[in-house]
N, C-alpha and C. Protein backbone atom coordinates (compact mmCIF):
# COMPACT_ATOMS: atom_id res chain seq x y z
N MET A 1 0.84 -1.17 0.00
CA MET A 1 0.00 0.00 0.00
C MET A 1 0.88 1.22 0.00
N VAL A 2 0.27 2.35 -0.34
CA VAL A 2 1.05 3.58 -0.39
C VAL A 2 1.65 3.88 0.96
N GLU A 3 0.84 3.62 2.03
CA GLU A 3 1.34 3.93 3.36
C GLU A 3 2.59 3.12 3.66
N LYS A 4 2.64 1.85 3.21
CA LYS A 4 3.79 1.00 3.47
C LYS A 4 5.01 1.52 2.74
N ALA A 5 4.82 1.88 1.44
CA ALA A 5 5.95 2.40 0.67
C ALA A 5 6.44 3.70 1.27
N ARG A 6 5.49 4.55 1.66
CA ARG A 6 5.88 5.81 2.29
C ARG A 6 6.59 5.54 3.61
N GLY A 7 6.14 4.47 4.30
CA GLY A 7 6.76 4.13 5.57
C GLY A 7 8.20 3.73 5.39
N ALA A 8 8.48 2.96 4.32
CA ALA A 8 9.86 2.57 4.05
C ALA A 8 10.72 3.77 3.78
N ALA A 9 10.18 4.68 2.96
CA ALA A 9 10.93 5.89 2.65
C ALA A 9 11.11 6.76 3.88
N ALA A 10 10.04 6.85 4.66
CA ALA A 10 10.11 7.70 5.85
C ALA A 10 11.10 7.15 6.84
N GLY A 11 11.16 5.81 6.95
CA GLY A 11 12.11 5.21 7.88
C GLY A 11 13.54 5.54 7.50
N LEU A 12 13.84 5.39 6.22
CA LEU A 12 15.18 5.73 5.76
C LEU A 12 15.44 7.21 5.91
N ALA A 13 14.41 8.01 5.58
CA ALA A 13 14.58 9.45 5.66
C ALA A 13 14.87 9.90 7.08
N LEU A 14 14.17 9.29 8.04
CA LEU A 14 14.38 9.66 9.43
C LEU A 14 15.80 9.31 9.85
N ILE A 15 16.26 8.14 9.43
CA ILE A 15 17.59 7.69 9.79
C ILE A 15 18.66 8.58 9.20
N LEU A 16 18.46 8.97 7.94
CA LEU A 16 19.48 9.76 7.26
C LEU A 16 19.22 11.25 7.39
N ALA A 17 18.26 11.60 8.21
CA ALA A 17 17.96 13.02 8.48
C ALA A 17 17.53 13.75 7.24
N LEU A 18 16.80 13.13 6.37
CA LEU A 18 16.14 13.77 5.24
C LEU A 18 14.75 13.21 5.10
N ALA A 19 15.26 12.19 4.39
CA ALA A 19 14.68 11.00 3.90
C ALA A 19 15.59 10.53 2.76
N GLY A 20 6.62 -1.34 -12.88
CA GLY A 20 6.70 -2.37 -13.74
C GLY A 20 6.99 -3.50 -12.94
N CYS A 21 6.58 -3.80 -12.61
CA CYS A 21 7.20 -4.74 -11.74
C CYS A 21 8.04 -5.65 -12.59
N SER A 22 9.33 -5.57 -12.42
CA SER A 22 10.22 -6.44 -13.14
C SER A 22 10.58 -7.58 -12.22
N SER A 23 11.00 -8.68 -12.80
CA SER A 23 11.35 -9.81 -11.98
C SER A 23 12.68 -9.54 -11.31
N VAL A 24 12.71 -9.65 -10.00
CA VAL A 24 13.93 -9.39 -9.26
C VAL A 24 14.76 -10.64 -9.24
N GLY A 25 16.04 -10.50 -9.57
CA GLY A 25 16.94 -11.62 -9.51
C GLY A 25 17.38 -12.11 -10.87
N ASP A 26 16.70 -11.73 -11.93
CA ASP A 26 17.11 -12.21 -13.24
C ASP A 26 17.34 -11.05 -14.20
N GLY A 27 17.56 -9.86 -13.67
CA GLY A 27 17.83 -8.73 -14.54
C GLY A 27 16.63 -7.84 -14.70
N GLY A 28 15.44 -8.42 -14.60
CA GLY A 28 14.23 -7.60 -14.69
C GLY A 28 13.92 -7.17 -16.10
N ALA A 29 12.66 -6.88 -16.37
CA ALA A 29 12.25 -6.44 -17.69
C ALA A 29 12.87 -5.10 -17.99
N GLY A 30 13.48 -4.99 -19.14
CA GLY A 30 14.04 -3.73 -19.57
C GLY A 30 15.41 -3.44 -19.01
N ASP A 31 16.01 -4.35 -18.23
CA ASP A 31 17.33 -4.10 -17.70
C ASP A 31 18.38 -4.32 -18.77
N GLY A 32 19.36 -3.40 -18.81
CA GLY A 32 20.39 -3.49 -19.82
C GLY A 32 21.46 -4.49 -19.47
N GLY A 33 21.72 -4.70 -18.17
CA GLY A 33 22.71 -5.67 -17.78
C GLY A 33 24.13 -5.17 -17.93
N GLY A 34 24.34 -3.96 -18.45
CA GLY A 34 25.69 -3.48 -18.65
C GLY A 34 26.16 -2.53 -17.58
N ALA A 35 25.23 -1.87 -16.92
CA ALA A 35 25.61 -0.86 -15.93
C ALA A 35 26.33 -1.47 -14.76
N GLY A 36 25.87 -2.62 -14.31
CA GLY A 36 26.44 -3.22 -13.12
C GLY A 36 27.88 -3.63 -13.27
N ALA A 37 28.31 -3.89 -14.50
CA ALA A 37 29.67 -4.32 -14.72
C ALA A 37 30.66 -3.28 -14.23
N SER A 38 30.32 -2.00 -14.41
CA SER A 38 31.22 -0.93 -14.00
C SER A 38 31.07 -0.60 -12.53
N ALA A 39 30.02 -1.13 -11.86
CA ALA A 39 29.80 -0.86 -10.45
C ALA A 39 29.90 -2.13 -9.61
N ALA A 40 30.49 -3.19 -10.19
CA ALA A 40 30.60 -4.46 -9.48
C ALA A 40 31.54 -4.35 -8.30
N ALA A 41 32.56 -3.49 -8.39
CA ALA A 41 33.46 -3.27 -7.27
C ALA A 41 32.75 -2.38 -6.25
N PRO A 42 33.04 -2.59 -4.96
CA PRO A 42 32.39 -1.78 -3.92
C PRO A 42 32.69 -0.29 -4.10
N LEU A 43 31.69 0.55 -3.87
CA LEU A 43 31.90 2.00 -3.90
C LEU A 43 32.29 2.45 -2.50
N ASN A 44 33.31 3.30 -2.40
CA ASN A 44 33.67 3.84 -1.10
C ASN A 44 32.72 5.00 -0.78
N PRO A 45 32.73 5.48 0.45
CA PRO A 45 31.80 6.54 0.84
C PRO A 45 31.91 7.80 -0.03
N SER A 46 33.12 8.14 -0.47
CA SER A 46 33.29 9.32 -1.32
C SER A 46 32.61 9.12 -2.66
N GLN A 47 32.70 7.91 -3.22
CA GLN A 47 32.05 7.62 -4.48
C GLN A 47 30.54 7.61 -4.32
N LEU A 48 30.05 7.08 -3.19
CA LEU A 48 28.61 7.06 -2.96
C LEU A 48 28.09 8.48 -2.82
N ALA A 49 28.89 9.36 -2.19
CA ALA A 49 28.49 10.76 -2.03
C ALA A 49 28.36 11.44 -3.38
N GLN A 50 29.13 11.00 -4.37
CA GLN A 50 29.02 11.55 -5.71
C GLN A 50 27.89 10.89 -6.48
N ALA A 51 27.60 9.63 -6.16
CA ALA A 51 26.56 8.90 -6.88
C ALA A 51 25.16 9.40 -6.53
N ILE A 52 24.96 9.81 -5.28
CA ILE A 52 23.63 10.31 -4.90
C ILE A 52 23.38 11.63 -5.64
N PRO A 53 22.19 11.86 -6.18
CA PRO A 53 21.92 13.10 -6.92
C PRO A 53 22.25 14.34 -6.11
N SER A 54 22.97 15.26 -6.72
CA SER A 54 23.39 16.49 -6.06
C SER A 54 22.38 17.61 -6.28
N LYS A 55 22.53 18.68 -5.52
CA LYS A 55 21.65 19.84 -5.67
C LYS A 55 21.79 20.44 -7.06
N VAL A 56 23.02 20.50 -7.58
CA VAL A 56 23.24 21.13 -8.90
C VAL A 56 22.68 20.28 -10.03
N ALA A 57 22.43 18.99 -9.78
CA ALA A 57 21.91 18.11 -10.83
C ALA A 57 20.39 18.13 -10.92
N ALA A 58 19.74 18.85 -10.01
CA ALA A 58 18.27 18.90 -10.03
C ALA A 58 17.77 19.50 -11.33
N PRO A 59 16.77 18.90 -11.96
CA PRO A 59 16.23 19.43 -13.21
C PRO A 59 15.62 20.81 -12.98
N GLU A 60 15.44 21.53 -14.06
CA GLU A 60 14.82 22.85 -13.98
C GLU A 60 13.43 22.73 -13.36
N GLY A 61 13.15 23.59 -12.42
CA GLY A 61 11.86 23.55 -11.75
C GLY A 61 11.85 22.70 -10.50
N TRP A 62 12.97 22.03 -10.21
CA TRP A 62 13.09 21.18 -9.03
C TRP A 62 14.17 21.75 -8.10
N LYS A 63 13.96 21.62 -6.82
CA LYS A 63 14.92 22.10 -5.83
C LYS A 63 15.49 20.91 -5.07
N GLY A 64 16.81 20.80 -5.04
CA GLY A 64 17.44 19.68 -4.37
C GLY A 64 17.90 20.01 -2.96
N ARG A 65 18.02 18.98 -2.15
CA ARG A 65 18.57 19.11 -0.81
C ARG A 65 20.02 18.65 -0.81
N ALA A 66 20.76 19.07 0.19
CA ALA A 66 22.14 18.60 0.32
C ALA A 66 22.11 17.12 0.71
N PRO A 67 22.81 16.26 -0.03
CA PRO A 67 22.80 14.83 0.28
C PRO A 67 23.41 14.55 1.65
N ARG A 68 23.02 13.44 2.24
CA ARG A 68 23.56 12.98 3.51
C ARG A 68 24.16 11.60 3.32
N VAL A 69 25.35 11.38 3.80
CA VAL A 69 26.02 10.09 3.66
C VAL A 69 26.47 9.59 5.02
N LEU A 70 26.19 8.32 5.30
CA LEU A 70 26.66 7.66 6.51
C LEU A 70 27.52 6.48 6.11
N ASP A 71 28.63 6.28 6.80
CA ASP A 71 29.50 5.17 6.43
C ASP A 71 29.94 4.37 7.65
N GLY A 72 30.55 3.23 7.36
CA GLY A 72 31.10 2.38 8.40
C GLY A 72 30.11 1.97 9.47
N SER A 73 30.56 2.03 10.73
CA SER A 73 29.73 1.60 11.85
C SER A 73 28.46 2.43 11.99
N GLU A 74 28.54 3.70 11.58
CA GLU A 74 27.36 4.56 11.65
C GLU A 74 26.27 4.05 10.72
N ALA A 75 26.66 3.64 9.50
CA ALA A 75 25.70 3.09 8.55
C ALA A 75 25.10 1.79 9.09
N GLN A 76 25.95 0.94 9.67
CA GLN A 76 25.47 -0.32 10.24
C GLN A 76 24.49 -0.08 11.37
N LYS A 77 24.81 0.88 12.22
CA LYS A 77 23.95 1.18 13.37
C LYS A 77 22.56 1.62 12.90
N HIS A 78 22.52 2.52 11.93
CA HIS A 78 21.24 3.02 11.45
C HIS A 78 20.49 1.96 10.66
N CYS A 79 21.23 1.10 9.98
CA CYS A 79 20.58 0.00 9.25
C CYS A 79 19.87 -0.92 10.23
N GLN A 80 20.52 -1.24 11.33
CA GLN A 80 19.91 -2.11 12.34
C GLN A 80 18.66 -1.46 12.92
N LEU A 81 18.70 -0.14 13.11
CA LEU A 81 17.54 0.56 13.65
C LEU A 81 16.37 0.55 12.66
N ALA A 82 16.70 0.69 11.37
CA ALA A 82 15.65 0.71 10.35
C ALA A 82 14.97 -0.64 10.22
N ALA A 83 15.79 -1.71 10.24
CA ALA A 83 15.27 -3.08 10.15
C ALA A 83 14.36 -3.26 8.93
N ARG A 84 14.74 -2.66 7.79
CA ARG A 84 13.92 -2.77 6.59
C ARG A 84 14.65 -3.43 5.43
N PHE A 85 15.93 -3.65 5.58
CA PHE A 85 16.72 -4.27 4.52
C PHE A 85 17.94 -4.92 5.14
N SER A 86 18.58 -5.80 4.39
CA SER A 86 19.72 -6.54 4.90
C SER A 86 20.89 -5.61 5.20
N CYS A 87 21.50 -5.82 6.38
CA CYS A 87 22.65 -5.02 6.78
C CYS A 87 23.96 -5.75 6.52
N ALA A 88 23.90 -7.00 6.10
CA ALA A 88 25.11 -7.78 5.86
C ALA A 88 25.93 -7.17 4.73
N GLY A 89 27.14 -6.75 5.04
CA GLY A 89 28.03 -6.19 4.03
C GLY A 89 27.75 -4.75 3.68
N LEU A 90 26.82 -4.11 4.38
CA LEU A 90 26.52 -2.70 4.10
C LEU A 90 27.71 -1.84 4.53
N THR A 91 28.20 -1.00 3.63
CA THR A 91 29.36 -0.17 3.93
C THR A 91 29.03 1.31 4.06
N SER A 92 27.99 1.77 3.39
CA SER A 92 27.58 3.17 3.49
C SER A 92 26.18 3.35 2.96
N MET A 93 25.56 4.48 3.33
CA MET A 93 24.20 4.82 2.92
C MET A 93 24.17 6.29 2.53
N ALA A 94 23.27 6.64 1.62
CA ALA A 94 23.13 8.04 1.22
C ALA A 94 21.67 8.35 0.94
N SER A 95 21.29 9.61 1.10
CA SER A 95 19.90 10.01 0.88
C SER A 95 19.82 11.47 0.47
N THR A 96 18.83 11.78 -0.34
CA THR A 96 18.53 13.17 -0.68
C THR A 96 17.13 13.25 -1.26
N GLN A 97 16.71 14.44 -1.62
CA GLN A 97 15.35 14.65 -2.14
C GLN A 97 15.31 15.85 -3.07
N TYR A 98 14.50 15.72 -4.12
CA TYR A 98 14.19 16.84 -5.01
C TYR A 98 12.71 17.17 -4.83
N SER A 99 12.38 18.46 -4.81
CA SER A 99 10.99 18.87 -4.68
C SER A 99 10.63 19.86 -5.77
N ALA A 100 9.41 19.73 -6.30
CA ALA A 100 8.92 20.67 -7.30
C ALA A 100 7.82 21.54 -6.70
N THR A 101 6.91 20.92 -5.94
CA THR A 101 5.86 21.64 -5.22
C THR A 101 5.76 21.00 -3.84
N TYR A 102 4.83 21.49 -3.04
CA TYR A 102 4.71 20.98 -1.68
C TYR A 102 4.36 19.50 -1.65
N ASP A 103 3.70 18.98 -2.70
CA ASP A 103 3.31 17.57 -2.71
C ASP A 103 3.90 16.80 -3.89
N THR A 104 4.83 17.41 -4.61
CA THR A 104 5.49 16.73 -5.73
C THR A 104 6.97 16.65 -5.43
N ASP A 105 7.45 15.45 -5.19
CA ASP A 105 8.86 15.28 -4.88
C ASP A 105 9.34 13.90 -5.27
N VAL A 106 10.64 13.73 -5.26
CA VAL A 106 11.25 12.42 -5.52
C VAL A 106 12.39 12.24 -4.53
N LYS A 107 12.38 11.11 -3.85
CA LYS A 107 13.41 10.81 -2.86
C LYS A 107 14.36 9.76 -3.42
N PHE A 108 15.61 9.89 -3.07
CA PHE A 108 16.65 8.95 -3.51
C PHE A 108 17.33 8.36 -2.28
N GLU A 109 17.42 7.04 -2.24
CA GLU A 109 18.14 6.36 -1.16
C GLU A 109 19.14 5.41 -1.81
N LEU A 110 20.37 5.41 -1.33
CA LEU A 110 21.40 4.51 -1.85
C LEU A 110 21.96 3.66 -0.72
N LEU A 111 22.16 2.38 -1.00
CA LEU A 111 22.78 1.45 -0.08
C LEU A 111 23.98 0.82 -0.78
N ALA A 112 25.17 1.01 -0.23
CA ALA A 112 26.39 0.45 -0.83
C ALA A 112 26.80 -0.80 -0.06
N TYR A 113 27.06 -1.88 -0.79
CA TYR A 113 27.46 -3.15 -0.18
C TYR A 113 28.87 -3.53 -0.62
N ASP A 114 29.45 -4.49 0.10
CA ASP A 114 30.82 -4.89 -0.19
C ASP A 114 30.93 -5.92 -1.31
N THR A 115 29.83 -6.62 -1.60
CA THR A 115 29.82 -7.61 -2.68
C THR A 115 28.50 -7.56 -3.43
N VAL A 116 28.50 -8.11 -4.63
CA VAL A 116 27.27 -8.18 -5.42
C VAL A 116 26.24 -9.06 -4.73
N ASP A 117 26.68 -10.18 -4.15
CA ASP A 117 25.75 -11.08 -3.47
C ASP A 117 25.05 -10.38 -2.31
N ASN A 118 25.80 -9.60 -1.54
CA ASN A 118 25.18 -8.89 -0.43
C ASN A 118 24.23 -7.80 -0.93
N ALA A 119 24.57 -7.19 -2.07
CA ALA A 119 23.68 -6.19 -2.66
C ALA A 119 22.39 -6.85 -3.14
N LYS A 120 22.49 -8.04 -3.70
CA LYS A 120 21.30 -8.76 -4.13
C LYS A 120 20.39 -9.05 -2.94
N ALA A 121 20.99 -9.45 -1.81
CA ALA A 121 20.21 -9.71 -0.61
C ALA A 121 19.58 -8.41 -0.10
N GLY A 122 20.35 -7.32 -0.18
CA GLY A 122 19.81 -6.03 0.25
C GLY A 122 18.62 -5.61 -0.59
N MET A 123 18.70 -5.81 -1.89
CA MET A 123 17.58 -5.45 -2.76
C MET A 123 16.37 -6.34 -2.47
N LYS A 124 16.61 -7.64 -2.32
CA LYS A 124 15.52 -8.57 -2.09
C LYS A 124 14.74 -8.20 -0.83
N THR A 125 15.45 -7.88 0.24
CA THR A 125 14.78 -7.54 1.49
C THR A 125 14.09 -6.18 1.42
N LEU A 126 14.68 -5.24 0.69
CA LEU A 126 14.05 -3.92 0.55
C LEU A 126 12.77 -4.02 -0.27
N VAL A 127 12.80 -4.79 -1.35
CA VAL A 127 11.61 -4.99 -2.17
C VAL A 127 10.51 -5.65 -1.34
N ALA A 128 10.88 -6.66 -0.56
CA ALA A 128 9.89 -7.34 0.27
C ALA A 128 9.28 -6.38 1.28
N ASP A 129 10.09 -5.50 1.83
CA ASP A 129 9.58 -4.54 2.82
C ASP A 129 8.62 -3.54 2.19
N THR A 130 8.97 -3.02 1.01
CA THR A 130 8.11 -2.02 0.38
C THR A 130 6.79 -2.62 -0.09
N ARG A 131 6.78 -3.94 -0.32
CA ARG A 131 5.56 -4.58 -0.81
C ARG A 131 4.80 -5.32 0.29
N GLU A 132 5.36 -5.40 1.47
CA GLU A 132 4.72 -6.14 2.55
C GLU A 132 3.34 -5.57 2.86
N GLY A 133 2.36 -6.45 2.95
CA GLY A 133 1.01 -6.04 3.30
C GLY A 133 0.23 -5.43 2.15
N THR A 134 0.83 -5.44 0.94
CA THR A 134 0.16 -4.86 -0.22
C THR A 134 -0.29 -5.97 -1.16
N LYS A 135 -1.56 -5.97 -1.52
CA LYS A 135 -2.06 -6.96 -2.46
C LYS A 135 -1.57 -6.65 -3.87
N ALA A 136 -1.18 -7.70 -4.57
CA ALA A 136 -0.62 -7.52 -5.91
C ALA A 136 -1.58 -6.81 -6.85
N ASP A 137 -2.89 -7.08 -6.69
CA ASP A 137 -3.84 -6.49 -7.63
C ASP A 137 -4.10 -5.01 -7.35
N THR A 138 -3.51 -4.46 -6.29
CA THR A 138 -3.67 -3.04 -6.02
C THR A 138 -2.52 -2.23 -6.60
N LEU A 139 -1.53 -2.89 -7.15
CA LEU A 139 -0.37 -2.23 -7.72
C LEU A 139 -0.44 -2.22 -9.24
N LYS A 140 0.12 -1.19 -9.84
CA LYS A 140 0.23 -1.12 -11.29
C LYS A 140 1.70 -1.35 -11.64
N PRO A 141 2.02 -2.51 -12.19
CA PRO A 141 3.42 -2.79 -12.54
C PRO A 141 3.94 -1.77 -13.56
N LEU A 142 5.17 -1.37 -13.38
CA LEU A 142 5.81 -0.46 -14.33
C LEU A 142 7.05 -1.13 -14.91
N THR A 143 7.21 -1.03 -16.21
CA THR A 143 8.42 -1.53 -16.85
C THR A 143 9.27 -0.34 -17.21
N ILE A 144 10.41 -0.19 -16.54
CA ILE A 144 11.31 0.91 -16.84
C ILE A 144 12.64 0.35 -17.31
N ASP A 145 13.22 0.98 -18.28
CA ASP A 145 14.48 0.52 -18.87
C ASP A 145 15.55 1.56 -18.58
N VAL A 146 16.34 1.30 -17.53
CA VAL A 146 17.37 2.27 -17.13
C VAL A 146 18.76 1.65 -17.06
N GLY A 147 18.90 0.39 -17.51
CA GLY A 147 20.20 -0.24 -17.54
C GLY A 147 20.68 -0.82 -16.23
N ALA A 148 19.78 -1.00 -15.26
CA ALA A 148 20.17 -1.59 -13.98
C ALA A 148 20.26 -3.11 -14.11
N ASP A 149 20.93 -3.74 -13.16
CA ASP A 149 21.04 -5.19 -13.16
C ASP A 149 19.74 -5.85 -12.70
N GLU A 150 19.06 -5.22 -11.78
CA GLU A 150 17.76 -5.70 -11.31
C GLU A 150 16.85 -4.49 -11.09
N THR A 151 15.56 -4.68 -11.37
CA THR A 151 14.60 -3.59 -11.25
C THR A 151 13.27 -4.11 -10.73
N ASP A 152 12.68 -3.38 -9.80
CA ASP A 152 11.32 -3.66 -9.35
C ASP A 152 10.62 -2.31 -9.27
N ALA A 153 9.62 -2.09 -10.11
CA ALA A 153 8.96 -0.78 -10.17
C ALA A 153 7.45 -0.94 -10.26
N TYR A 154 6.74 -0.03 -9.59
CA TYR A 154 5.29 -0.08 -9.61
C TYR A 154 4.71 1.28 -9.24
N ALA A 155 3.42 1.44 -9.53
CA ALA A 155 2.70 2.66 -9.18
C ALA A 155 1.53 2.30 -8.30
N LYS A 156 1.21 3.19 -7.38
CA LYS A 156 0.04 3.01 -6.51
C LYS A 156 -0.49 4.40 -6.20
N GLU A 157 -1.71 4.68 -6.70
CA GLU A 157 -2.33 5.98 -6.51
C GLU A 157 -1.38 7.09 -6.98
N LYS A 158 -0.93 7.97 -6.08
CA LYS A 158 -0.11 9.10 -6.49
C LYS A 158 1.39 8.84 -6.35
N GLN A 159 1.75 7.60 -6.05
CA GLN A 159 3.15 7.30 -5.81
C GLN A 159 3.69 6.31 -6.84
N THR A 160 4.93 6.55 -7.28
CA THR A 160 5.63 5.61 -8.17
C THR A 160 6.98 5.30 -7.54
N ASN A 161 7.32 4.02 -7.51
CA ASN A 161 8.53 3.59 -6.82
C ASN A 161 9.37 2.66 -7.69
N ALA A 162 10.67 2.71 -7.49
CA ALA A 162 11.57 1.80 -8.17
C ALA A 162 12.71 1.43 -7.24
N VAL A 163 12.93 0.13 -7.10
CA VAL A 163 14.11 -0.37 -6.40
C VAL A 163 15.03 -0.94 -7.47
N LEU A 164 16.27 -0.50 -7.47
CA LEU A 164 17.21 -0.85 -8.53
C LEU A 164 18.51 -1.38 -7.92
N ARG A 165 19.14 -2.32 -8.59
CA ARG A 165 20.48 -2.74 -8.19
C ARG A 165 21.44 -2.51 -9.35
N VAL A 166 22.51 -1.82 -9.06
CA VAL A 166 23.56 -1.58 -10.04
C VAL A 166 24.85 -2.10 -9.42
N GLY A 167 25.26 -3.30 -9.79
CA GLY A 167 26.44 -3.90 -9.20
C GLY A 167 26.26 -4.08 -7.71
N THR A 168 27.09 -3.40 -6.91
CA THR A 168 27.05 -3.54 -5.46
C THR A 168 26.21 -2.47 -4.78
N VAL A 169 25.50 -1.67 -5.55
CA VAL A 169 24.71 -0.57 -5.00
C VAL A 169 23.22 -0.81 -5.24
N VAL A 170 22.42 -0.60 -4.19
CA VAL A 170 20.96 -0.68 -4.30
C VAL A 170 20.40 0.72 -4.19
N ALA A 171 19.53 1.09 -5.10
CA ALA A 171 18.93 2.42 -5.11
C ALA A 171 17.41 2.30 -4.95
N PHE A 172 16.84 3.21 -4.18
CA PHE A 172 15.39 3.27 -3.98
C PHE A 172 14.96 4.67 -4.41
N VAL A 173 14.13 4.75 -5.46
CA VAL A 173 13.65 6.03 -5.98
C VAL A 173 12.15 6.09 -5.73
N ILE A 174 11.70 7.09 -4.98
CA ILE A 174 10.30 7.19 -4.57
C ILE A 174 9.72 8.50 -5.07
N GLY A 175 8.79 8.44 -6.00
CA GLY A 175 8.19 9.65 -6.54
C GLY A 175 6.78 9.87 -6.01
N SER A 176 6.49 11.09 -5.62
CA SER A 176 5.15 11.44 -5.14
C SER A 176 4.51 12.47 -6.06
N THR A 177 3.34 12.14 -6.58
CA THR A 177 2.57 12.97 -7.52
C THR A 177 3.44 13.51 -8.65
N LEU A 178 4.26 12.65 -9.23
CA LEU A 178 5.06 13.06 -10.37
C LEU A 178 4.12 13.41 -11.53
N PRO A 179 4.41 14.46 -12.28
CA PRO A 179 3.48 14.94 -13.30
C PRO A 179 3.22 13.97 -14.44
N GLN A 180 4.21 13.13 -14.78
CA GLN A 180 4.02 12.19 -15.87
C GLN A 180 4.68 10.87 -15.49
N ASP A 181 4.12 9.77 -16.02
CA ASP A 181 4.64 8.45 -15.68
C ASP A 181 6.13 8.32 -16.00
N HIS A 182 6.56 8.92 -17.11
CA HIS A 182 7.95 8.72 -17.51
C HIS A 182 8.93 9.43 -16.59
N ASP A 183 8.45 10.29 -15.70
CA ASP A 183 9.36 10.97 -14.79
C ASP A 183 10.07 9.99 -13.87
N LEU A 184 9.41 8.90 -13.47
CA LEU A 184 10.07 7.91 -12.63
C LEU A 184 11.25 7.32 -13.39
N GLN A 185 11.04 7.00 -14.66
CA GLN A 185 12.14 6.45 -15.44
C GLN A 185 13.26 7.48 -15.60
N SER A 186 12.90 8.74 -15.80
CA SER A 186 13.91 9.78 -15.96
C SER A 186 14.78 9.89 -14.72
N PHE A 187 14.15 9.92 -13.54
CA PHE A 187 14.92 10.04 -12.31
C PHE A 187 15.70 8.76 -12.01
N ALA A 188 15.09 7.61 -12.29
CA ALA A 188 15.79 6.34 -12.07
C ALA A 188 16.99 6.22 -13.00
N SER A 189 16.81 6.66 -14.25
CA SER A 189 17.91 6.63 -15.22
C SER A 189 19.06 7.53 -14.76
N MET A 190 18.72 8.72 -14.27
CA MET A 190 19.74 9.62 -13.77
C MET A 190 20.50 8.98 -12.62
N GLN A 191 19.78 8.30 -11.72
CA GLN A 191 20.43 7.67 -10.59
C GLN A 191 21.39 6.57 -11.03
N VAL A 192 20.95 5.74 -11.96
CA VAL A 192 21.81 4.67 -12.46
C VAL A 192 23.06 5.24 -13.12
N GLN A 193 22.88 6.26 -13.92
CA GLN A 193 24.03 6.87 -14.60
C GLN A 193 25.02 7.45 -13.61
N ARG A 194 24.53 8.06 -12.54
CA ARG A 194 25.42 8.63 -11.54
C ARG A 194 26.20 7.53 -10.81
N ILE A 195 25.55 6.42 -10.54
CA ILE A 195 26.24 5.31 -9.88
C ILE A 195 27.36 4.78 -10.76
N THR A 196 27.05 4.54 -12.02
CA THR A 196 28.06 3.97 -12.92
C THR A 196 29.20 4.95 -13.16
N THR A 197 28.89 6.23 -13.23
CA THR A 197 29.95 7.23 -13.43
C THR A 197 30.85 7.31 -12.20
N ALA A 198 30.24 7.36 -11.02
CA ALA A 198 31.02 7.43 -9.78
C ALA A 198 31.87 6.18 -9.60
N ALA A 199 31.37 5.04 -10.06
CA ALA A 199 32.12 3.79 -9.93
C ALA A 199 33.40 3.80 -10.74
N THR A 200 33.46 4.63 -11.78
CA THR A 200 34.68 4.71 -12.59
C THR A 200 35.66 5.74 -12.03
N GLY A 201 35.29 6.38 -10.92
CA GLY A 201 36.19 7.36 -10.31
C GLY A 201 35.98 8.76 -10.83
N LYS A 202 34.92 8.95 -11.63
CA LYS A 202 34.64 10.27 -12.20
C LYS A 202 33.51 10.96 -11.44
N ASN A 203 33.49 12.27 -11.48
CA ASN A 203 32.46 13.07 -10.82
C ASN A 203 31.27 13.23 -11.78
N PRO A 204 30.09 12.74 -11.42
CA PRO A 204 28.93 12.85 -12.30
C PRO A 204 28.55 14.30 -12.61
N ASP A 205 28.96 15.24 -11.78
CA ASP A 205 28.62 16.65 -11.99
C ASP A 205 29.68 17.41 -12.78
N ALA A 206 30.76 16.72 -13.12
CA ALA A 206 31.87 17.40 -13.84
C ALA A 206 31.46 17.72 -15.27
């Protein structure tokens, strides 16, 4: 339900002081399968800080917040408190938000893991949490093609959500009252591109 998805986002947001259904585990519908190759190595906290969407990257008409990054034991501590996704191998977390109006926004959450297997477990548990208590027939599956290794996306009322895995990084993109359906794909695509660029040691904003 929307409340559950919002609850997942709110939990992460509280911790970090901000805030299609594709088949998970086999690449998902529309997944390119190429992005993860460049992000298969673990991202360090500095790279994750660059991967999370920055204020300067906000599209015209959108206002971004300063990203927040937690690493090491701090990330583990907050992960345990959230209890919404696997903490095994979690090395850092990041969060930020773009807003267009008082009720139109998109939240970005990133989870960096030490291995691809741990990232897969992190995605699986996050997807299960966001869908817990929600009947399948109340969701509108979304097929988005953003080049991630795994994708789970759906719409419910005024909210559109996507959980993505790019190599060792899991991303959660939560849109509220986005003006057009394709905006979720646009923001998810931007997130994937930033992860893959940061994984190569380059600054996505350069």
